[in-house]
Amino acid sequence: MSRIPCVTGADLVAALGKRGFSVLRIRGSHHFLRHEDGRSTVVPAHSGETVGPGLLHKILRDCQLSIDDLKQVL
């Protein structure tokens, strides 16, 4: 298994956008993303803060992506 990259919320939203996810709505600093096949997740995009490793794993599990998939689009 690969090392977990340090990624900000805005970078993660952009990377998921490249994988087919689109922002459904934004409430505060939380972006709600959905794929056209029904997968969805919430990404906190707090300015200047990185997403923690536990939360990043949960987001990737919700999106059914691996760390290597994420690294390809970053």
C-alpha atoms as a PDB file:
ATOM      1  CA  MET A   1       0.000   0.000   0.000  1.00  0.00           C
ATOM      2  CA  SER A   2       1.282   3.446  -0.887  1.00  0.00           C
ATOM      3  CA  ARG A   3       1.958   6.343   1.427  1.00  0.00           C
ATOM      4  CA  ILE A   4      -0.943   8.699   1.981  1.00  0.00           C
ATOM      5  CA  PRO A   5      -0.372  12.041   0.227  1.00  0.00           C
ATOM      6  CA  CYS A   6      -0.822  15.341   2.079  1.00  0.00           C
ATOM      7  CA  VAL A   7      -3.643  17.013   0.210  1.00  0.00           C
ATOM      8  CA  THR A   8      -5.818  20.048   0.928  1.00  0.00           C
ATOM      9  CA  GLY A   9      -9.565  19.973   0.570  1.00  0.00           C
ATOM     10  CA  ALA A  10      -9.535  22.177  -2.525  1.00  0.00           C
ATOM     11  CA  ASP A  11      -6.952  19.938  -4.213  1.00  0.00           C
ATOM     12  CA  LEU A  12      -9.020  16.870  -3.327  1.00  0.00           C
ATOM     13  CA  VAL A  13     -12.176  18.421  -4.816  1.00  0.00           C
ATOM     14  CA  ALA A  14     -10.237  19.183  -8.017  1.00  0.00           C
ATOM     15  CA  ALA A  15      -8.790  15.653  -8.172  1.00  0.00           C
ATOM     16  CA  LEU A  16     -12.202  14.067  -7.674  1.00  0.00           C
ATOM     17  CA  GLY A  17     -13.544  16.347 -10.407  1.00  0.00           C
ATOM     18  CA  LYS A  18     -11.039  14.774 -12.792  1.00  0.00           C
ATOM     19  CA  ARG A  19     -12.421  11.349 -11.822  1.00  0.00           C
ATOM     20  CA  GLY A  20     -15.994  12.321 -12.790  1.00  0.00           C
ATOM     21  CA  PHE A  21     -17.327  13.785  -9.549  1.00  0.00           C
ATOM     22  CA  SER A  22     -19.135  17.119  -9.626  1.00  0.00           C
ATOM     23  CA  VAL A  23     -19.941  19.517  -6.804  1.00  0.00           C
ATOM     24  CA  LEU A  24     -23.602  19.090  -5.973  1.00  0.00           C
ATOM     25  CA  ARG A  25     -23.747  21.872  -3.386  1.00  0.00           C
ATOM     26  CA  ILE A  26     -21.605  23.743  -0.891  1.00  0.00           C
ATOM     27  CA  ARG A  27     -22.586  24.403   2.699  1.00  0.00           C
ATOM     28  CA  GLY A  28     -20.022  26.535   4.446  1.00  0.00           C
ATOM     29  CA  SER A  29     -16.676  24.954   3.704  1.00  0.00           C
ATOM     30  CA  HIS A  30     -18.052  21.475   3.002  1.00  0.00           C
ATOM     31  CA  HIS A  31     -18.366  20.441  -0.645  1.00  0.00           C
ATOM     32  CA  PHE A  32     -20.906  17.734  -1.421  1.00  0.00           C
ATOM     33  CA  LEU A  33     -19.764  15.758  -4.465  1.00  0.00           C
ATOM     34  CA  ARG A  34     -21.621  13.164  -6.489  1.00  0.00           C
ATOM     35  CA  HIS A  35     -20.684  10.928  -9.393  1.00  0.00           C
ATOM     36  CA  GLU A  36     -23.217  10.216 -12.108  1.00  0.00           C
ATOM     37  CA  ASP A  37     -23.314   6.536 -11.066  1.00  0.00           C
ATOM     38  CA  GLY A  38     -24.511   7.467  -7.557  1.00  0.00           C
ATOM     39  CA  ARG A  39     -21.324   7.518  -5.484  1.00  0.00           C
ATOM     40  CA  SER A  40     -21.156  10.552  -3.216  1.00  0.00           C
ATOM     41  CA  THR A  41     -19.000  12.068  -0.496  1.00  0.00           C
ATOM     42  CA  VAL A  42     -18.380  15.267   1.465  1.00  0.00           C
ATOM     43  CA  VAL A  43     -15.019  17.044   1.390  1.00  0.00           C
ATOM     44  CA  PRO A  44     -14.161  19.764   3.925  1.00  0.00           C
ATOM     45  CA  ALA A  45     -12.275  22.503   2.093  1.00  0.00           C
ATOM     46  CA  HIS A  46     -10.946  24.590   4.974  1.00  0.00           C
ATOM     47  CA  SER A  47      -8.395  27.055   3.638  1.00  0.00           C
ATOM     48  CA  GLY A  48      -4.795  26.045   4.216  1.00  0.00           C
ATOM     49  CA  GLU A  49      -5.574  22.831   6.112  1.00  0.00           C
ATOM     50  CA  THR A  50      -4.778  19.351   4.871  1.00  0.00           C
ATOM     51  CA  VAL A  51      -7.273  16.526   5.063  1.00  0.00           C
ATOM     52  CA  GLY A  52      -6.282  14.052   7.770  1.00  0.00           C
ATOM     53  CA  PRO A  53      -5.349  10.483   6.861  1.00  0.00           C
ATOM     54  CA  GLY A  54      -8.405   8.901   8.463  1.00  0.00           C
ATOM     55  CA  LEU A  55     -10.834  11.238   6.742  1.00  0.00           C
ATOM     56  CA  LEU A  56      -8.992  10.847   3.444  1.00  0.00           C
ATOM     57  CA  HIS A  57      -9.382   7.056   3.667  1.00  0.00           C
ATOM     58  CA  LYS A  58     -13.107   7.440   4.354  1.00  0.00           C
ATOM     59  CA  ILE A  59     -13.563   9.813   1.406  1.00  0.00           C
ATOM     60  CA  LEU A  60     -11.686   7.431  -0.894  1.00  0.00           C
ATOM     61  CA  ARG A  61     -13.731   4.486   0.398  1.00  0.00           C
ATOM     62  CA  ASP A  62     -16.961   6.414  -0.289  1.00  0.00           C
ATOM     63  CA  CYS A  63     -15.707   7.171  -3.817  1.00  0.00           C
ATOM     64  CA  GLN A  64     -14.474   3.588  -4.312  1.00  0.00           C
ATOM     65  CA  LEU A  65     -10.984   4.819  -5.202  1.00  0.00           C
ATOM     66  CA  SER A  66      -7.543   3.768  -4.012  1.00  0.00           C
ATOM     67  CA  ILE A  67      -4.625   5.925  -2.916  1.00  0.00           C
ATOM     68  CA  ASP A  68      -2.862   5.096  -6.187  1.00  0.00           C
ATOM     69  CA  ASP A  69      -5.927   6.314  -8.141  1.00  0.00           C
ATOM     70  CA  LEU A  70      -5.755   9.582  -6.233  1.00  0.00           C
ATOM     71  CA  LYS A  71      -2.026   9.990  -6.860  1.00  0.00           C
ATOM     72  CA  GLN A  72      -2.570   9.607 -10.612  1.00  0.00           C
ATOM     73  CA  VAL A  73      -4.863  12.634 -10.796  1.00  0.00           C
ATOM     74  CA  LEU A  74      -2.982  14.870  -8.344  1.00  0.00           C
END
